[in-house]
Amino acid sequence: MPPYRFILALCTLVCGLLGLARPSRAAAVPVATTAQLIAAVQNAKPGDVISLAPGTYDVGQTIYCVTPGTAAQPIVVRAATLGAALLRFNTVEGIKVAAPHWSFENLDVQGICAVHGDCEHAFHIVGPADFTHLRNCRLHDFNAEVKGNGEGNPPIFPNDVVIEDSELFDSAIRDTANPVTPIDVVGGRRWVIRANFIHDHAKGQGDQISYAAFLKGNSRDGLFERNLVICERDTTGGVRLGLSFGGGGSSPPSICEDGTCIPEHQNGTMRNNVIVNCSQDVGIYLNSAANTRIYDNTLYDTTGIDVRFPASTADLRNNLLSGQIRNRDGGTSTKSSNLELVSLLQFATWFLNPVAANFALLDGSQIVNRGEPLPQVTDDFCAHPRTDGAPDLGAVEYGPGACNTAKPGGGVDVFRDGFESGGWGEWVVP
């Protein structure tokens, strides 16, 4: 166990023995100005709930989150509703999280740098920032809206991060040669990327290649589920890929877990994702991704799924896609019950409006009950159960309840980790 994690565990144990770690009423910290917000974060204590009044907060410096919260008393930064508080950053990094148990909810965070290379990250999650939670946020106009990586020598990596129910996008093609990927994570374990809407990511300079999201750098046990990715909705151009374990690769080895970047990811799962309009490249890309599970995804107007390089091994089942599954450059896979090479014309006869991510069913004869039951997939894109023993192909289990695939996660507010809609833990605002 790294020394810092041992110290945190010891502090938690001592506080528990002293009766100090039990959930209590949270300290409400209302803020209405940028200066108050910065001061509240700098002076935060476990259990604080920093609530932003409606309005626009123009910020010209990075806000640092360095005080540890606890599992019972996380530190929460939130607005009452999404859109009520807009944080506009004119700086390289907006919010840098370097301590565990911080939660951010209902925040609209925008980069406003005139030079796109000057706005890199809305959130930078580093080092010991375990259990960071982003929920129901709108993050836009940064090169990497969320960046995760190690920090220190040797580097410590943030684990158990959850990003869910959030929208990440760029309102215009990023005029930069810097990496452009809304969720860009190097190292770390058990990251969960769930029920997000990621769209219109594009790099205007350099190789013009961008990804919607990736986990790489010898990261492990990552999960992408119930996400909606539309590579091209409001803007077009460049080469835009969907979801990836491995991204474009990592270097040098010192930035990766255990000092090696091969494999780029281990034991990852992608399930019940809808990925559309990535016509220039694949919807799912595995770059040196070992022991990967790709189950029940729907890919429309992409070139398919690539399993690439010798370190990549994958099991692919129940996927529905317009491209094909390819093993490239030494990658290997097993596959079953996938429906590949479906033409866009055929998609149009099966579904109501797939180009707009509307997969309401018109003709299910080739889809319904054509999959195989998998213990790793118990529900679908809309969190509807798959319980009849004969699952449907792709991200949706068609049945009595409607599933709106044009909304991330079907618009269903499901928290698998046991968190209430108000945030982590048992805090109550007085």
Protein backbone atom coordinates (compact mmCIF):
# COMPACT_ATOMS: atom_id res chain seq x y z
CA MET A 1 0.00 0.00 0.00
CA PRO A 2 1.42 3.43 -0.89
CA PRO A 3 2.44 5.41 2.24
CA TYR A 4 -0.18 8.13 1.71
CA ARG A 5 -2.96 5.55 1.53
CA PHE A 6 -1.72 3.88 4.72
CA ILE A 7 -1.80 7.25 6.50
CA LEU A 8 -5.35 7.96 5.27
CA ALA A 9 -6.50 4.51 6.36
CA LEU A 10 -4.90 4.97 9.79
CA CYS A 11 -6.56 8.37 10.23
CA THR A 12 -9.92 6.89 9.28
CA LEU A 13 -9.49 4.07 11.80
CA VAL A 14 -8.47 6.43 14.62
CA CYS A 15 -11.37 8.77 13.87
CA GLY A 16 -13.73 5.82 13.87
CA LEU A 17 -12.48 4.64 17.27
CA LEU A 18 -12.94 8.14 18.63
CA GLY A 19 -16.45 8.29 17.23
CA LEU A 20 -15.52 11.07 14.86
CA ALA A 21 -16.20 9.32 11.56
CA ARG A 22 -19.92 8.80 11.94
CA PRO A 23 -22.10 10.69 9.42
CA SER A 24 -23.34 13.96 10.79
CA ARG A 25 -25.18 16.96 9.55
CA ALA A 26 -23.17 18.60 6.82
CA ALA A 27 -21.84 22.11 7.10
CA ALA A 28 -23.67 24.23 4.56
CA VAL A 29 -21.32 26.69 2.88
CA PRO A 30 -23.26 29.00 0.56
CA VAL A 31 -21.27 31.02 -1.97
CA ALA A 32 -22.37 33.71 -4.41
CA THR A 33 -19.10 35.13 -5.81
CA THR A 34 -15.92 33.75 -7.33
CA ALA A 35 -13.88 34.90 -4.33
CA GLN A 36 -16.27 33.14 -1.94
CA LEU A 37 -16.08 29.95 -4.00
CA ILE A 38 -12.28 29.91 -3.99
CA ALA A 39 -12.16 30.62 -0.25
CA ALA A 40 -14.73 27.91 0.50
CA VAL A 41 -12.72 25.29 -1.40
CA GLN A 42 -9.44 26.39 0.20
CA ASN A 43 -10.96 26.18 3.69
CA ALA A 44 -13.07 23.09 3.10
CA LYS A 45 -13.51 20.46 5.80
CA PRO A 46 -14.91 16.92 5.54
CA GLY A 47 -18.68 17.07 5.29
CA ASP A 48 -18.85 20.58 3.82
CA VAL A 49 -21.48 21.16 1.16
CA ILE A 50 -20.42 24.18 -0.87
CA SER A 51 -23.54 25.42 -2.64
CA LEU A 52 -23.28 27.89 -5.51
CA ALA A 53 -25.98 30.52 -5.84
CA PRO A 54 -27.37 30.98 -9.36
CA GLY A 55 -25.19 33.15 -11.56
CA THR A 56 -21.99 33.31 -13.61
CA TYR A 57 -18.62 32.84 -11.93
CA ASP A 58 -15.67 34.11 -13.98
CA VAL A 59 -12.48 32.45 -12.76
CA GLY A 60 -8.98 33.37 -13.84
CA GLN A 61 -7.06 30.87 -11.71
CA THR A 62 -7.05 27.17 -10.95
CA ILE A 63 -9.16 26.09 -7.98
CA TYR A 64 -7.23 23.49 -5.95
CA CYS A 65 -9.02 20.77 -3.95
CA VAL A 66 -6.38 19.47 -1.52
CA THR A 67 -8.28 18.73 1.71
CA PRO A 68 -9.28 15.07 2.01
CA GLY A 69 -12.90 14.23 2.55
CA THR A 70 -13.96 10.85 3.92
CA ALA A 71 -16.32 8.14 2.76
CA ALA A 72 -18.83 9.18 5.41
CA GLN A 73 -18.22 12.90 4.95
CA PRO A 74 -17.23 13.77 1.40
CA ILE A 75 -16.70 17.38 0.42
CA VAL A 76 -19.43 18.42 -2.02
CA VAL A 77 -19.41 21.31 -4.48
CA ARG A 78 -22.79 21.75 -6.13
CA ALA A 79 -25.43 23.95 -7.65
CA ALA A 80 -29.11 23.40 -6.94
CA THR A 81 -29.81 22.49 -10.58
CA LEU A 82 -27.75 22.10 -13.71
CA GLY A 83 -27.52 25.44 -15.51
CA ALA A 84 -28.13 27.58 -12.45
CA ALA A 85 -24.41 28.24 -11.90
CA LEU A 86 -21.98 28.71 -14.79
CA LEU A 87 -18.23 28.59 -14.06
CA ARG A 88 -16.20 30.20 -16.84
CA PHE A 89 -12.47 29.51 -16.72
CA ASN A 90 -9.80 31.46 -18.57
CA THR A 91 -6.93 29.27 -17.41
CA VAL A 92 -5.17 26.04 -18.34
CA GLU A 93 -6.86 24.02 -15.60
CA GLY A 94 -10.19 24.82 -14.00
CA ILE A 95 -10.53 22.60 -10.94
CA LYS A 96 -7.62 20.41 -9.83
CA VAL A 97 -8.54 17.60 -7.44
CA ALA A 98 -5.62 16.15 -5.49
CA ALA A 99 -7.36 14.64 -2.45
CA PRO A 100 -9.94 11.87 -1.97
CA HIS A 101 -13.70 12.02 -1.57
CA TRP A 102 -14.71 15.16 -3.46
CA SER A 103 -18.06 15.29 -5.22
CA PHE A 104 -19.17 17.79 -7.89
CA GLU A 105 -22.81 18.04 -8.91
CA ASN A 106 -24.91 20.11 -11.29
CA LEU A 107 -22.02 22.33 -12.39
CA ASP A 108 -21.81 23.98 -15.82
CA VAL A 109 -18.09 24.50 -16.50
CA GLN A 110 -16.91 26.28 -19.65
CA GLY A 111 -13.49 27.16 -21.02
CA ILE A 112 -13.37 30.66 -22.51
CA CYS A 113 -9.71 30.95 -23.56
CA ALA A 114 -9.19 32.89 -26.78
CA VAL A 115 -6.30 30.51 -27.57
CA HIS A 116 -7.64 26.97 -27.39
CA GLY A 117 -4.32 25.59 -26.16
CA ASP A 118 -4.71 27.72 -23.03
CA CYS A 119 -7.83 25.84 -21.82
CA GLU A 120 -6.81 22.24 -21.23
CA HIS A 121 -9.00 20.77 -18.47
CA ALA A 122 -12.25 21.58 -16.68
CA PHE A 123 -11.28 18.97 -14.07
CA HIS A 124 -7.78 17.60 -13.50
CA ILE A 125 -7.91 14.58 -11.18
CA VAL A 126 -4.49 13.53 -9.92
CA GLY A 127 -2.52 11.53 -7.37
CA PRO A 128 -4.51 10.56 -4.26
CA ALA A 129 -7.85 11.90 -5.54
CA ASP A 130 -9.58 8.54 -5.00
CA PHE A 131 -13.37 8.42 -5.05
CA THR A 132 -13.81 11.69 -6.93
CA HIS A 133 -17.38 11.84 -8.22
CA LEU A 134 -18.69 14.02 -11.07
CA ARG A 135 -22.44 13.85 -11.54
CA ASN A 136 -24.91 15.71 -13.70
CA CYS A 137 -22.39 18.29 -14.90
CA ARG A 138 -21.99 20.06 -18.24
CA LEU A 139 -18.32 20.41 -19.23
CA HIS A 140 -17.42 22.12 -22.49
CA ASP A 141 -14.79 23.91 -24.54
CA PHE A 142 -11.62 22.41 -23.10
CA ASN A 143 -9.15 20.12 -24.86
CA ALA A 144 -9.72 17.40 -22.26
CA GLU A 145 -12.72 18.27 -20.13
CA VAL A 146 -11.66 15.60 -17.63
CA LYS A 147 -7.99 14.63 -17.31
CA GLY A 148 -6.75 11.95 -14.92
CA ASN A 149 -3.15 10.95 -14.30
CA GLY A 150 -0.52 10.14 -11.72
CA GLU A 151 1.40 12.68 -9.71
CA GLY A 152 4.55 12.45 -7.59
CA ASN A 153 7.76 10.47 -7.84
CA PRO A 154 6.98 7.64 -8.08
CA PRO A 155 3.53 8.65 -9.34
CA ILE A 156 0.38 7.92 -7.36
CA PHE A 157 -2.76 7.42 -9.44
CA PRO A 158 -6.39 8.25 -8.58
CA ASN A 159 -8.64 5.22 -8.22
CA ASP A 160 -12.40 4.59 -7.99
CA VAL A 161 -13.42 7.74 -9.83
CA VAL A 162 -17.02 7.97 -11.12
CA ILE A 163 -18.16 10.23 -13.98
CA GLU A 164 -21.87 9.89 -14.65
CA ASP A 165 -24.95 11.61 -16.06
CA SER A 166 -22.84 14.42 -17.51
CA GLU A 167 -22.50 16.12 -20.89
CA LEU A 168 -19.04 16.72 -22.36
CA PHE A 169 -18.55 18.50 -25.69
CA ASP A 170 -16.87 21.27 -27.66
CA SER A 171 -18.98 23.96 -29.28
CA ALA A 172 -16.37 24.36 -32.03
CA ILE A 173 -13.47 22.34 -33.41
CA ARG A 174 -10.52 22.86 -31.08
CA ASP A 175 -7.94 25.00 -32.88
CA THR A 176 -4.95 23.17 -31.42
CA ALA A 177 -2.52 20.33 -32.04
CA ASN A 178 -2.73 19.32 -28.36
CA PRO A 179 -4.58 16.07 -27.53
CA VAL A 180 -8.36 16.50 -27.70
CA THR A 181 -10.34 13.91 -25.75
CA PRO A 182 -13.21 14.85 -23.40
CA ILE A 183 -12.23 12.10 -20.93
CA ASP A 184 -8.48 11.46 -21.03
CA VAL A 185 -7.19 9.16 -18.28
CA VAL A 186 -3.66 7.80 -17.85
CA GLY A 187 -3.36 5.19 -15.09
CA GLY A 188 -5.76 4.57 -12.23
CA ARG A 189 -8.05 1.70 -11.36
CA ARG A 190 -11.79 1.06 -11.33
CA TRP A 191 -12.83 4.24 -13.13
CA VAL A 192 -16.53 4.19 -14.01
CA ILE A 193 -17.77 6.22 -17.00
CA ARG A 194 -21.56 5.84 -16.93
CA ALA A 195 -24.58 7.33 -18.68
CA ASN A 196 -22.79 10.35 -20.12
CA PHE A 197 -23.44 12.26 -23.35
CA ILE A 198 -20.16 12.88 -25.18
CA HIS A 199 -20.31 14.65 -28.51
CA ASP A 200 -18.56 16.90 -31.02
CA HIS A 201 -14.97 16.33 -29.96
CA ALA A 202 -12.56 17.41 -32.69
CA LYS A 203 -8.95 18.54 -33.09
CA GLY A 204 -8.31 21.09 -35.84
CA GLN A 205 -4.51 20.93 -36.04
CA GLY A 206 -1.78 18.28 -36.00
CA ASP A 207 -3.00 14.77 -36.81
CA GLN A 208 -6.65 15.87 -36.31
CA ILE A 209 -7.39 12.62 -34.44
CA SER A 210 -9.57 12.80 -31.34
CA TYR A 211 -11.33 10.32 -29.05
CA ALA A 212 -14.55 10.65 -27.08
CA ALA A 213 -12.96 8.96 -24.05
CA PHE A 214 -10.15 6.61 -23.19
CA LEU A 215 -8.49 4.89 -20.25
CA LYS A 216 -4.82 4.05 -20.86
CA GLY A 217 -1.38 4.06 -19.21
CA ASN A 218 -1.69 0.53 -17.73
CA SER A 219 -4.96 1.50 -16.06
CA ARG A 220 -7.17 -1.35 -14.84
CA ASP A 221 -10.71 -2.57 -14.31
CA GLY A 222 -12.34 0.38 -16.11
CA LEU A 223 -16.01 0.40 -17.02
CA PHE A 224 -17.81 2.27 -19.80
CA GLU A 225 -21.55 1.65 -19.65
CA ARG A 226 -24.78 3.26 -20.90
CA ASN A 227 -22.98 6.17 -22.55
CA LEU A 228 -24.24 8.00 -25.63
CA VAL A 229 -21.44 9.08 -27.98
CA ILE A 230 -22.22 11.17 -31.08
CA CYS A 231 -18.91 12.00 -32.74
CA GLU A 232 -20.49 14.43 -35.18
CA ARG A 233 -23.71 16.18 -34.24
CA ASP A 234 -23.18 19.96 -34.41
CA THR A 235 -19.76 20.04 -36.09
CA THR A 236 -17.96 17.90 -38.66
CA GLY A 237 -14.34 17.35 -39.60
CA GLY A 238 -11.24 15.55 -38.46
CA VAL A 239 -10.98 11.91 -37.47
CA ARG A 240 -13.19 11.22 -34.44
CA LEU A 241 -13.18 7.90 -32.61
CA GLY A 242 -15.59 6.72 -29.96
CA LEU A 243 -14.59 4.89 -26.77
CA SER A 244 -11.20 3.31 -26.19
CA PHE A 245 -9.06 1.32 -23.85
CA GLY A 246 -5.58 2.42 -24.83
CA GLY A 247 -6.27 5.51 -26.90
CA GLY A 248 -3.28 6.44 -29.04
CA GLY A 249 -0.85 4.85 -26.59
CA SER A 250 1.24 6.25 -23.73
CA SER A 251 4.86 7.25 -23.27
CA PRO A 252 7.31 7.43 -21.62
CA PRO A 253 6.87 4.41 -19.32
CA SER A 254 7.40 6.59 -16.25
CA ILE A 255 3.90 8.13 -16.64
CA CYS A 256 2.19 4.73 -16.56
CA GLU A 257 1.26 2.45 -13.67
CA ASP A 258 4.10 0.19 -12.52
CA GLY A 259 6.45 2.03 -14.89
CA THR A 260 5.17 0.23 -17.98
CA CYS A 261 2.58 1.21 -20.57
CA ILE A 262 2.01 -2.29 -21.99
CA PRO A 263 -0.70 -3.29 -21.61
CA GLU A 264 -2.39 0.07 -21.86
CA HIS A 265 -5.41 -1.27 -19.98
CA GLN A 266 -6.28 -4.48 -18.14
CA ASN A 267 -9.64 -6.11 -17.42
CA GLY A 268 -11.83 -3.39 -18.92
CA THR A 269 -15.52 -3.65 -19.82
CA MET A 270 -17.67 -1.75 -22.30
CA ARG A 271 -21.35 -2.61 -22.24
CA ASN A 272 -24.66 -1.08 -23.33
CA ASN A 273 -23.12 1.95 -25.06
CA VAL A 274 -24.61 3.71 -28.10
CA ILE A 275 -21.98 5.17 -30.44
CA VAL A 276 -22.97 6.93 -33.67
CA ASN A 277 -21.66 9.11 -36.49
CA CYS A 278 -17.93 8.36 -36.21
CA SER A 279 -17.74 7.70 -39.94
CA GLN A 280 -13.99 8.17 -40.40
CA ASP A 281 -12.84 5.57 -37.88
CA VAL A 282 -13.92 2.99 -35.32
CA GLY A 283 -16.50 3.37 -32.60
CA ILE A 284 -14.50 1.18 -30.20
CA TYR A 285 -10.71 0.98 -30.25
CA LEU A 286 -8.63 -1.43 -28.17
CA ASN A 287 -4.93 -0.53 -28.16
CA SER A 288 -2.90 -3.05 -26.17
CA ALA A 289 -5.93 -3.71 -23.97
CA ALA A 290 -5.69 -7.05 -22.19
CA ASN A 291 -8.65 -9.21 -21.14
CA THR A 292 -11.31 -6.81 -22.38
CA ARG A 293 -15.07 -7.48 -22.51
CA ILE A 294 -17.12 -5.75 -25.22
CA TYR A 295 -20.78 -6.62 -24.72
CA ASP A 296 -24.14 -5.41 -26.04
CA ASN A 297 -23.07 -2.17 -27.72
CA THR A 298 -24.77 -0.46 -30.69
CA LEU A 299 -22.48 1.22 -33.23
CA TYR A 300 -23.97 3.14 -36.15
CA ASP A 301 -22.00 4.77 -38.97
CA THR A 302 -18.56 3.83 -37.64
CA THR A 303 -16.00 1.52 -39.21
CA GLY A 304 -16.50 -0.90 -36.33
CA ILE A 305 -14.29 -2.27 -33.55
CA ASP A 306 -10.51 -2.69 -33.69
CA VAL A 307 -8.60 -5.11 -31.45
CA ARG A 308 -5.03 -4.00 -32.05
CA PHE A 309 -1.50 -5.04 -31.10
CA PRO A 310 -0.32 -8.24 -29.39
CA ALA A 311 -1.23 -7.17 -25.86
CA SER A 312 -4.90 -6.81 -26.86
CA THR A 313 -7.18 -9.72 -26.02
CA ALA A 314 -10.94 -9.32 -26.07
CA ASP A 315 -14.24 -11.16 -25.82
CA LEU A 316 -17.00 -9.58 -27.93
CA ARG A 317 -20.64 -10.65 -27.72
CA ASN A 318 -24.10 -9.35 -28.60
CA ASN A 319 -22.83 -6.24 -30.37
CA LEU A 320 -24.76 -4.61 -33.22
CA LEU A 321 -22.65 -2.59 -35.63
CA SER A 322 -22.48 -1.11 -39.09
CA GLY A 323 -18.74 -1.80 -39.40
CA GLN A 324 -16.84 -4.94 -38.57
CA ILE A 325 -14.79 -6.45 -35.76
CA ARG A 326 -11.13 -6.62 -36.76
CA ASN A 327 -8.05 -8.14 -35.16
CA ARG A 328 -5.10 -5.96 -36.22
CA ASP A 329 -1.34 -6.09 -35.80
CA GLY A 330 -1.36 -9.14 -33.54
CA GLY A 331 -4.53 -8.43 -31.52
CA THR A 332 -6.69 -11.47 -30.72
CA SER A 333 -10.32 -11.93 -29.78
CA THR A 334 -13.14 -14.36 -29.28
CA LYS A 335 -16.58 -13.38 -30.48
CA SER A 336 -20.11 -14.71 -30.55
CA SER A 337 -23.64 -13.50 -31.36
CA ASN A 338 -22.50 -10.23 -32.92
CA LEU A 339 -24.26 -8.74 -35.94
CA GLU A 340 -21.62 -6.98 -38.05
CA LEU A 341 -21.54 -5.13 -41.37
CA VAL A 342 -25.12 -3.93 -41.11
CA SER A 343 -25.63 -1.31 -43.82
CA LEU A 344 -26.90 2.15 -42.98
CA LEU A 345 -29.88 1.42 -45.21
CA GLN A 346 -30.66 -1.69 -43.18
CA PHE A 347 -30.37 0.31 -39.94
CA ALA A 348 -32.90 2.77 -41.38
CA THR A 349 -35.41 -0.02 -41.95
CA TRP A 350 -34.94 -1.47 -38.47
CA PHE A 351 -34.94 1.74 -36.40
CA LEU A 352 -36.82 5.03 -36.38
CA ASN A 353 -33.93 7.50 -36.83
CA PRO A 354 -30.49 6.04 -36.11
CA VAL A 355 -28.57 9.05 -37.46
CA ALA A 356 -30.08 11.01 -34.54
CA ALA A 357 -29.39 8.14 -32.11
CA ASN A 358 -33.08 7.21 -32.05
CA PHE A 359 -33.14 3.43 -31.99
CA ALA A 360 -36.86 2.99 -31.45
CA LEU A 361 -37.65 -0.33 -33.05
CA LEU A 362 -39.44 -0.70 -36.39
CA ASP A 363 -38.41 -4.26 -37.27
CA GLY A 364 -36.79 -6.46 -34.65
CA SER A 365 -36.71 -9.75 -36.51
CA GLN A 366 -32.89 -9.78 -36.71
CA ILE A 367 -32.32 -8.30 -33.26
CA VAL A 368 -34.89 -9.35 -30.65
CA ASN A 369 -33.98 -12.51 -28.71
CA ARG A 370 -30.92 -13.07 -30.93
CA GLY A 371 -28.26 -12.60 -28.24
CA GLU A 372 -26.86 -14.86 -25.56
CA PRO A 373 -27.30 -14.30 -21.82
CA LEU A 374 -24.22 -12.92 -20.10
CA PRO A 375 -23.75 -12.73 -16.33
CA GLN A 376 -21.84 -9.45 -16.78
CA VAL A 377 -24.85 -7.78 -18.46
CA THR A 378 -27.99 -7.70 -16.35
CA ASP A 379 -29.62 -4.58 -17.77
CA ASP A 380 -29.56 -2.39 -20.90
CA PHE A 381 -28.86 1.20 -21.98
CA CYS A 382 -31.93 2.41 -20.08
CA ALA A 383 -31.26 0.23 -17.03
CA HIS A 384 -34.11 -2.08 -18.02
CA PRO A 385 -33.44 -5.65 -16.88
CA ARG A 386 -32.38 -8.38 -19.27
CA THR A 387 -34.10 -11.29 -17.58
CA ASP A 388 -35.89 -13.37 -20.23
CA GLY A 389 -32.90 -15.60 -21.00
CA ALA A 390 -32.78 -14.45 -24.63
CA PRO A 391 -31.37 -10.92 -24.72
CA ASP A 392 -31.64 -8.65 -27.72
CA LEU A 393 -28.60 -7.62 -29.70
CA GLY A 394 -27.12 -4.19 -29.09
CA ALA A 395 -27.55 -1.76 -26.25
CA VAL A 396 -31.35 -1.94 -25.89
CA GLU A 397 -33.55 -4.73 -24.52
CA TYR A 398 -36.84 -4.14 -26.32
CA GLY A 399 -39.96 -4.79 -24.30
CA PRO A 400 -42.98 -3.11 -22.72
CA GLY A 401 -41.05 -0.06 -21.46
CA ALA A 402 -39.77 2.54 -23.92
CA CYS A 403 -36.06 3.30 -24.05
CA ASN A 404 -35.02 6.75 -25.27
CA THR A 405 -31.57 6.18 -26.75
CA ALA A 406 -31.29 9.86 -27.71
CA LYS A 407 -30.67 10.60 -24.02
CA PRO A 408 -27.62 9.26 -22.17
CA GLY A 409 -28.58 6.23 -20.16
CA GLY A 410 -32.10 6.68 -21.50
CA GLY A 411 -32.57 9.61 -19.12
CA VAL A 412 -32.80 7.21 -16.19
CA ASP A 413 -31.29 8.41 -12.90
CA VAL A 414 -29.72 5.22 -11.54
CA PHE A 415 -26.96 5.20 -8.91
CA ARG A 416 -25.44 1.75 -8.63
CA ASP A 417 -23.04 2.85 -5.92
CA GLY A 418 -25.79 3.60 -3.40
CA PHE A 419 -25.55 7.38 -3.54
CA GLU A 420 -28.59 9.51 -3.00
CA SER A 421 -29.64 12.11 -5.55
CA GLY A 422 -28.37 14.81 -3.24
CA GLY A 423 -24.79 13.54 -3.36
CA TRP A 424 -22.47 11.14 -1.66
CA GLY A 425 -22.94 9.79 1.80
CA GLU A 426 -25.57 10.78 4.33
CA TRP A 427 -25.08 14.51 4.47
CA VAL A 428 -28.08 16.70 5.16
CA VAL A 429 -28.00 20.44 4.57
CA PRO A 430 -29.42 22.23 7.60
